[in-house]
């Protein structure tokens, strides 16, 4: 990373570069320098913190692939020139980027009890009966994050986190091989998710 841009976490592996950065007020994030002209209209009404998240991702990209752009097909980001797959995620003060040979989805979620209000919207009962008493917030945040990461791989076709995404039972001591899948009546695409914790956040990586 640059001298002024300390890396917060590096979760890269053999197939992908996966970096997390934490916002630092000392860092200059100039929209005129970092934001693609194609995205100016998209971000014009963004909250200042959301704009900072967008600019942080662009700064990471600038370090990794100078001259590349992040553009959007509908709401799905892609690299231009398209010489690699990309996934991005942010939750202020953090932003993360993954650049891979293969399709990849990453997601960053803060642990909060708010997740318990929407459990019925993204899980079935068979995804709940293995969750230990007193640890619901942690487990449901992981399940949500894994499904969000898979959604970024199958973005256009499979839209329901409840109907088309499944996370198999897991334990907190085995967070690097969580079995999960995207499916419908005739199709099933199996994955293994990798989950990392830092600060009060859950960071999930699903690679094709």
C-alpha atoms as a PDB file:
ATOM      1  CA  UNK A   1       0.000   0.000   0.000  1.00  0.00           C
ATOM      2  CA  UNK A   2       1.020   3.636  -0.255  1.00  0.00           C
ATOM      3  CA  UNK A   3       2.837   5.342   2.601  1.00  0.00           C
ATOM      4  CA  UNK A   4      -0.317   7.304   3.502  1.00  0.00           C
ATOM      5  CA  UNK A   5      -2.656   4.362   3.166  1.00  0.00           C
ATOM      6  CA  UNK A   6      -1.958   1.698   5.791  1.00  0.00           C
ATOM      7  CA  UNK A   7      -3.559  -1.655   5.085  1.00  0.00           C
ATOM      8  CA  UNK A   8      -5.904  -2.849   7.830  1.00  0.00           C
ATOM      9  CA  UNK A   9      -6.181  -6.527   6.845  1.00  0.00           C
ATOM     10  CA  UNK A  10      -4.940  -8.674   3.974  1.00  0.00           C
ATOM     11  CA  UNK A  11      -6.938 -11.869   3.360  1.00  0.00           C
ATOM     12  CA  UNK A  12      -5.419 -12.661  -0.042  1.00  0.00           C
ATOM     13  CA  UNK A  13      -4.994 -16.262  -1.194  1.00  0.00           C
ATOM     14  CA  UNK A  14      -3.590 -18.068  -4.234  1.00  0.00           C
ATOM     15  CA  UNK A  15      -6.442 -16.968  -6.504  1.00  0.00           C
ATOM     16  CA  UNK A  16      -7.420 -13.534  -5.201  1.00  0.00           C
ATOM     17  CA  UNK A  17      -6.125 -10.303  -3.727  1.00  0.00           C
ATOM     18  CA  UNK A  18      -8.469  -9.383  -0.858  1.00  0.00           C
ATOM     19  CA  UNK A  19      -7.751  -6.183   1.066  1.00  0.00           C
ATOM     20  CA  UNK A  20      -9.512  -4.271   3.843  1.00  0.00           C
ATOM     21  CA  UNK A  21      -8.788  -0.636   4.646  1.00  0.00           C
ATOM     22  CA  UNK A  22      -9.963   1.462   7.603  1.00  0.00           C
ATOM     23  CA  UNK A  23     -10.728   5.132   6.999  1.00  0.00           C
ATOM     24  CA  UNK A  24      -8.154   7.626   8.200  1.00  0.00           C
ATOM     25  CA  UNK A  25      -9.020  11.318   8.235  1.00  0.00           C
ATOM     26  CA  UNK A  26      -5.434  12.108   7.239  1.00  0.00           C
ATOM     27  CA  UNK A  27      -5.939  10.389   3.880  1.00  0.00           C
ATOM     28  CA  UNK A  28      -6.912  12.635   0.979  1.00  0.00           C
ATOM     29  CA  UNK A  29      -9.833  11.160  -0.958  1.00  0.00           C
ATOM     30  CA  UNK A  30     -10.484  13.519  -3.860  1.00  0.00           C
ATOM     31  CA  UNK A  31     -13.592  12.596  -5.917  1.00  0.00           C
ATOM     32  CA  UNK A  32     -12.149  14.392  -8.955  1.00  0.00           C
ATOM     33  CA  UNK A  33      -9.117  12.111  -8.839  1.00  0.00           C
ATOM     34  CA  UNK A  34     -10.736   8.834  -7.758  1.00  0.00           C
ATOM     35  CA  UNK A  35     -14.304   8.682  -9.045  1.00  0.00           C
ATOM     36  CA  UNK A  36     -14.989   7.454 -12.566  1.00  0.00           C
ATOM     37  CA  UNK A  37     -16.874  10.098 -14.621  1.00  0.00           C
ATOM     38  CA  UNK A  38     -19.343   7.332 -15.536  1.00  0.00           C
ATOM     39  CA  UNK A  39     -20.377   7.095 -11.856  1.00  0.00           C
ATOM     40  CA  UNK A  40     -20.763  10.811 -11.089  1.00  0.00           C
ATOM     41  CA  UNK A  41     -24.539  10.735 -11.485  1.00  0.00           C
ATOM     42  CA  UNK A  42     -24.842   7.545  -9.431  1.00  0.00           C
ATOM     43  CA  UNK A  43     -23.227   9.067  -6.330  1.00  0.00           C
ATOM     44  CA  UNK A  44     -24.426  12.677  -6.495  1.00  0.00           C
ATOM     45  CA  UNK A  45     -26.965  12.243  -3.675  1.00  0.00           C
ATOM     46  CA  UNK A  46     -24.899   9.899  -1.509  1.00  0.00           C
ATOM     47  CA  UNK A  47     -24.482  10.582   2.208  1.00  0.00           C
ATOM     48  CA  UNK A  48     -20.909  11.853   2.868  1.00  0.00           C
ATOM     49  CA  UNK A  49     -19.932   8.620   4.656  1.00  0.00           C
ATOM     50  CA  UNK A  50     -21.249   6.492   1.790  1.00  0.00           C
ATOM     51  CA  UNK A  51     -19.294   8.597  -0.679  1.00  0.00           C
ATOM     52  CA  UNK A  52     -16.176   8.090   1.424  1.00  0.00           C
ATOM     53  CA  UNK A  53     -16.730   4.324   1.256  1.00  0.00           C
ATOM     54  CA  UNK A  54     -16.957   4.513  -2.544  1.00  0.00           C
ATOM     55  CA  UNK A  55     -13.779   6.589  -2.730  1.00  0.00           C
ATOM     56  CA  UNK A  56     -11.919   4.234  -0.375  1.00  0.00           C
ATOM     57  CA  UNK A  57     -12.663   1.316  -2.694  1.00  0.00           C
ATOM     58  CA  UNK A  58     -11.373   3.365  -5.663  1.00  0.00           C
ATOM     59  CA  UNK A  59      -8.207   4.214  -3.751  1.00  0.00           C
ATOM     60  CA  UNK A  60      -7.610   0.520  -3.089  1.00  0.00           C
ATOM     61  CA  UNK A  61      -8.147  -0.205  -6.782  1.00  0.00           C
ATOM     62  CA  UNK A  62      -5.755   2.582  -7.757  1.00  0.00           C
ATOM     63  CA  UNK A  63      -3.040   0.920  -5.682  1.00  0.00           C
ATOM     64  CA  UNK A  64      -3.737  -2.573  -7.062  1.00  0.00           C
ATOM     65  CA  UNK A  65      -4.552  -1.788 -10.700  1.00  0.00           C
ATOM     66  CA  UNK A  66      -3.639   1.769 -11.686  1.00  0.00           C
ATOM     67  CA  UNK A  67      -5.825   3.067 -14.500  1.00  0.00           C
ATOM     68  CA  UNK A  68      -8.616   0.506 -13.991  1.00  0.00           C
ATOM     69  CA  UNK A  69     -12.226   1.557 -13.389  1.00  0.00           C
ATOM     70  CA  UNK A  70     -15.136   0.075 -11.481  1.00  0.00           C
ATOM     71  CA  UNK A  71     -18.247   0.329 -13.645  1.00  0.00           C
ATOM     72  CA  UNK A  72     -21.733  -1.139 -13.182  1.00  0.00           C
ATOM     73  CA  UNK A  73     -24.012  -3.386 -15.176  1.00  0.00           C
ATOM     74  CA  UNK A  74     -27.351  -2.707 -13.524  1.00  0.00           C
ATOM     75  CA  UNK A  75     -26.105  -2.707  -9.900  1.00  0.00           C
ATOM     76  CA  UNK A  76     -23.326  -5.249 -10.396  1.00  0.00           C
ATOM     77  CA  UNK A  77     -19.760  -3.873 -10.385  1.00  0.00           C
ATOM     78  CA  UNK A  78     -17.201  -4.998 -12.939  1.00  0.00           C
ATOM     79  CA  UNK A  79     -13.652  -4.032 -13.827  1.00  0.00           C
ATOM     80  CA  UNK A  80     -12.794  -2.046 -16.916  1.00  0.00           C
ATOM     81  CA  UNK A  81     -10.725  -3.287 -18.653  1.00  0.00           C
ATOM     82  CA  UNK A  82     -12.334  -6.606 -17.702  1.00  0.00           C
ATOM     83  CA  UNK A  83      -9.193  -8.652 -17.109  1.00  0.00           C
ATOM     84  CA  UNK A  84     -10.261  -9.983 -13.691  1.00  0.00           C
ATOM     85  CA  UNK A  85     -13.310 -10.519 -11.497  1.00  0.00           C
ATOM     86  CA  UNK A  86     -14.087  -8.033  -8.731  1.00  0.00           C
ATOM     87  CA  UNK A  87     -16.187  -7.777  -5.589  1.00  0.00           C
ATOM     88  CA  UNK A  88     -16.468  -4.802  -3.251  1.00  0.00           C
ATOM     89  CA  UNK A  89     -18.016  -4.175   0.156  1.00  0.00           C
ATOM     90  CA  UNK A  90     -18.014  -1.373   2.697  1.00  0.00           C
ATOM     91  CA  UNK A  91     -19.363  -0.514   6.113  1.00  0.00           C
ATOM     92  CA  UNK A  92     -17.916   2.721   7.408  1.00  0.00           C
ATOM     93  CA  UNK A  93     -15.159   3.074   8.544  1.00  0.00           C
ATOM     94  CA  UNK A  94     -14.120  -0.022   6.561  1.00  0.00           C
ATOM     95  CA  UNK A  95     -13.986  -0.727   2.845  1.00  0.00           C
ATOM     96  CA  UNK A  96     -12.775  -3.862   1.083  1.00  0.00           C
ATOM     97  CA  UNK A  97     -11.988  -5.046  -2.424  1.00  0.00           C
ATOM     98  CA  UNK A  98     -11.367  -8.487  -3.935  1.00  0.00           C
ATOM     99  CA  UNK A  99      -9.769  -9.004  -7.341  1.00  0.00           C
ATOM    100  CA  UNK A 100      -9.668 -12.596  -8.532  1.00  0.00           C
ATOM    101  CA  UNK A 101      -9.075 -14.920 -11.470  1.00  0.00           C
ATOM    102  CA  UNK A 102     -12.500 -16.441 -10.725  1.00  0.00           C
ATOM    103  CA  UNK A 103     -15.877 -15.068  -9.666  1.00  0.00           C
ATOM    104  CA  UNK A 104     -15.765 -13.935  -6.053  1.00  0.00           C
ATOM    105  CA  UNK A 105     -18.133 -12.387  -3.520  1.00  0.00           C
ATOM    106  CA  UNK A 106     -17.130 -10.553  -0.348  1.00  0.00           C
ATOM    107  CA  UNK A 107     -19.307  -8.987   2.331  1.00  0.00           C
ATOM    108  CA  UNK A 108     -18.691  -6.957   5.471  1.00  0.00           C
ATOM    109  CA  UNK A 109     -21.272  -6.794   8.259  1.00  0.00           C
ATOM    110  CA  UNK A 110     -21.176  -5.207  11.698  1.00  0.00           C
ATOM    111  CA  UNK A 111     -22.448  -7.425  14.501  1.00  0.00           C
ATOM    112  CA  UNK A 112     -25.694  -5.919  15.802  1.00  0.00           C
ATOM    113  CA  UNK A 113     -28.858  -7.219  17.428  1.00  0.00           C
ATOM    114  CA  UNK A 114     -30.869  -5.619  14.583  1.00  0.00           C
ATOM    115  CA  UNK A 115     -30.229  -8.794  12.568  1.00  0.00           C
ATOM    116  CA  UNK A 116     -32.622 -10.666  14.897  1.00  0.00           C
ATOM    117  CA  UNK A 117     -35.560  -8.606  13.614  1.00  0.00           C
ATOM    118  CA  UNK A 118     -35.251  -9.935  10.059  1.00  0.00           C
ATOM    119  CA  UNK A 119     -34.315 -13.595  10.585  1.00  0.00           C
ATOM    120  CA  UNK A 120     -37.552 -14.822   8.968  1.00  0.00           C
ATOM    121  CA  UNK A 121     -36.770 -12.873   5.809  1.00  0.00           C
ATOM    122  CA  UNK A 122     -33.514 -14.672   4.980  1.00  0.00           C
ATOM    123  CA  UNK A 123     -33.586 -18.101   6.694  1.00  0.00           C
ATOM    124  CA  UNK A 124     -35.746 -21.198   6.946  1.00  0.00           C
ATOM    125  CA  UNK A 125     -36.147 -23.162  10.179  1.00  0.00           C
ATOM    126  CA  UNK A 126     -33.604 -25.794   9.093  1.00  0.00           C
ATOM    127  CA  UNK A 127     -30.975 -23.027   9.053  1.00  0.00           C
ATOM    128  CA  UNK A 128     -31.740 -22.127  12.670  1.00  0.00           C
ATOM    129  CA  UNK A 129     -31.977 -25.310  14.696  1.00  0.00           C
ATOM    130  CA  UNK A 130     -28.201 -25.729  15.087  1.00  0.00           C
ATOM    131  CA  UNK A 131     -27.617 -22.242  16.553  1.00  0.00           C
ATOM    132  CA  UNK A 132     -26.530 -22.369  20.237  1.00  0.00           C
ATOM    133  CA  UNK A 133     -28.536 -20.463  22.834  1.00  0.00           C
ATOM    134  CA  UNK A 134     -27.141 -17.009  23.468  1.00  0.00           C
ATOM    135  CA  UNK A 135     -25.209 -16.799  20.186  1.00  0.00           C
ATOM    136  CA  UNK A 136     -27.998 -15.958  17.761  1.00  0.00           C
ATOM    137  CA  UNK A 137     -26.663 -12.511  16.829  1.00  0.00           C
ATOM    138  CA  UNK A 138     -23.270 -13.911  15.823  1.00  0.00           C
ATOM    139  CA  UNK A 139     -24.636 -16.870  13.878  1.00  0.00           C
ATOM    140  CA  UNK A 140     -27.324 -14.948  11.993  1.00  0.00           C
ATOM    141  CA  UNK A 141     -24.867 -12.219  11.035  1.00  0.00           C
ATOM    142  CA  UNK A 142     -22.586 -14.886   9.565  1.00  0.00           C
ATOM    143  CA  UNK A 143     -25.463 -16.544   7.690  1.00  0.00           C
ATOM    144  CA  UNK A 144     -26.599 -13.194   6.279  1.00  0.00           C
ATOM    145  CA  UNK A 145     -23.057 -12.291   5.247  1.00  0.00           C
ATOM    146  CA  UNK A 146     -22.393 -15.651   3.572  1.00  0.00           C
ATOM    147  CA  UNK A 147     -25.631 -15.325   1.594  1.00  0.00           C
ATOM    148  CA  UNK A 148     -24.764 -11.767   0.578  1.00  0.00           C
ATOM    149  CA  UNK A 149     -21.383 -12.971  -0.686  1.00  0.00           C
ATOM    150  CA  UNK A 150     -23.003 -15.749  -2.736  1.00  0.00           C
ATOM    151  CA  UNK A 151     -25.534 -13.247  -4.076  1.00  0.00           C
ATOM    152  CA  UNK A 152     -22.665 -11.217  -5.521  1.00  0.00           C
ATOM    153  CA  UNK A 153     -21.597 -14.256  -7.549  1.00  0.00           C
ATOM    154  CA  UNK A 154     -25.119 -15.084  -8.807  1.00  0.00           C
ATOM    155  CA  UNK A 155     -26.317 -11.495  -8.796  1.00  0.00           C
ATOM    156  CA  UNK A 156     -28.743 -11.335 -11.698  1.00  0.00           C
ATOM    157  CA  UNK A 157     -30.615 -14.644 -11.538  1.00  0.00           C
ATOM    158  CA  UNK A 158     -31.131 -15.633  -7.903  1.00  0.00           C
ATOM    159  CA  UNK A 159     -32.654 -12.798  -5.921  1.00  0.00           C
ATOM    160  CA  UNK A 160     -34.154 -14.306  -2.754  1.00  0.00           C
ATOM    161  CA  UNK A 161     -31.724 -14.858   0.116  1.00  0.00           C
ATOM    162  CA  UNK A 162     -34.329 -17.096   1.738  1.00  0.00           C
ATOM    163  CA  UNK A 163     -35.478 -19.162  -1.255  1.00  0.00           C
ATOM    164  CA  UNK A 164     -32.288 -19.512  -3.307  1.00  0.00           C
ATOM    165  CA  UNK A 165     -29.451 -19.493  -0.770  1.00  0.00           C
ATOM    166  CA  UNK A 166     -28.635 -22.025   1.923  1.00  0.00           C
ATOM    167  CA  UNK A 167     -25.986 -22.096   4.637  1.00  0.00           C
ATOM    168  CA  UNK A 168     -25.352 -25.533   6.125  1.00  0.00           C
ATOM    169  CA  UNK A 169     -24.825 -26.007   9.905  1.00  0.00           C
ATOM    170  CA  UNK A 170     -21.428 -24.818  11.161  1.00  0.00           C
ATOM    171  CA  UNK A 171     -19.516 -24.029  14.351  1.00  0.00           C
ATOM    172  CA  UNK A 172     -17.612 -20.877  15.253  1.00  0.00           C
ATOM    173  CA  UNK A 173     -14.392 -22.859  15.617  1.00  0.00           C
ATOM    174  CA  UNK A 174     -14.632 -23.889  11.927  1.00  0.00           C
ATOM    175  CA  UNK A 175     -15.221 -20.659  10.018  1.00  0.00           C
ATOM    176  CA  UNK A 176     -13.006 -21.236   6.981  1.00  0.00           C
ATOM    177  CA  UNK A 177     -14.989 -24.090   5.410  1.00  0.00           C
ATOM    178  CA  UNK A 178     -18.676 -23.205   5.792  1.00  0.00           C
ATOM    179  CA  UNK A 179     -20.676 -25.207   3.274  1.00  0.00           C
ATOM    180  CA  UNK A 180     -23.287 -23.230   1.390  1.00  0.00           C
ATOM    181  CA  UNK A 181     -25.092 -23.220  -1.925  1.00  0.00           C
ATOM    182  CA  UNK A 182     -27.183 -21.287  -4.437  1.00  0.00           C
ATOM    183  CA  UNK A 183     -30.069 -23.352  -5.797  1.00  0.00           C
ATOM    184  CA  UNK A 184     -33.490 -23.603  -7.386  1.00  0.00           C
ATOM    185  CA  UNK A 185     -35.706 -26.543  -8.439  1.00  0.00           C
ATOM    186  CA  UNK A 186     -33.232 -27.795 -11.050  1.00  0.00           C
ATOM    187  CA  UNK A 187     -29.894 -26.214 -10.134  1.00  0.00           C
ATOM    188  CA  UNK A 188     -27.454 -26.285  -7.223  1.00  0.00           C
ATOM    189  CA  UNK A 189     -24.087 -24.516  -7.085  1.00  0.00           C
ATOM    190  CA  UNK A 190     -22.023 -25.543  -4.059  1.00  0.00           C
ATOM    191  CA  UNK A 191     -19.487 -23.304  -2.307  1.00  0.00           C
ATOM    192  CA  UNK A 192     -17.347 -23.126   0.809  1.00  0.00           C
ATOM    193  CA  UNK A 193     -17.343 -19.761   2.556  1.00  0.00           C
ATOM    194  CA  UNK A 194     -14.509 -18.336   4.599  1.00  0.00           C
ATOM    195  CA  UNK A 195     -15.399 -16.046   7.501  1.00  0.00           C
ATOM    196  CA  UNK A 196     -13.039 -13.718   9.367  1.00  0.00           C
ATOM    197  CA  UNK A 197     -13.706 -11.549  12.424  1.00  0.00           C
ATOM    198  CA  UNK A 198     -12.112  -8.195  13.259  1.00  0.00           C
ATOM    199  CA  UNK A 199     -13.237  -5.392  15.567  1.00  0.00           C
ATOM    200  CA  UNK A 200     -17.033  -5.836  15.724  1.00  0.00           C
ATOM    201  CA  UNK A 201     -17.278  -7.028  12.127  1.00  0.00           C
ATOM    202  CA  UNK A 202     -17.842 -10.210  10.181  1.00  0.00           C
ATOM    203  CA  UNK A 203     -16.032 -10.433   6.837  1.00  0.00           C
ATOM    204  CA  UNK A 204     -17.040 -13.186   4.427  1.00  0.00           C
ATOM    205  CA  UNK A 205     -15.348 -14.502   1.285  1.00  0.00           C
ATOM    206  CA  UNK A 206     -16.936 -16.898  -1.208  1.00  0.00           C
ATOM    207  CA  UNK A 207     -14.849 -17.920  -4.224  1.00  0.00           C
ATOM    208  CA  UNK A 208     -15.959 -19.876  -7.259  1.00  0.00           C
END
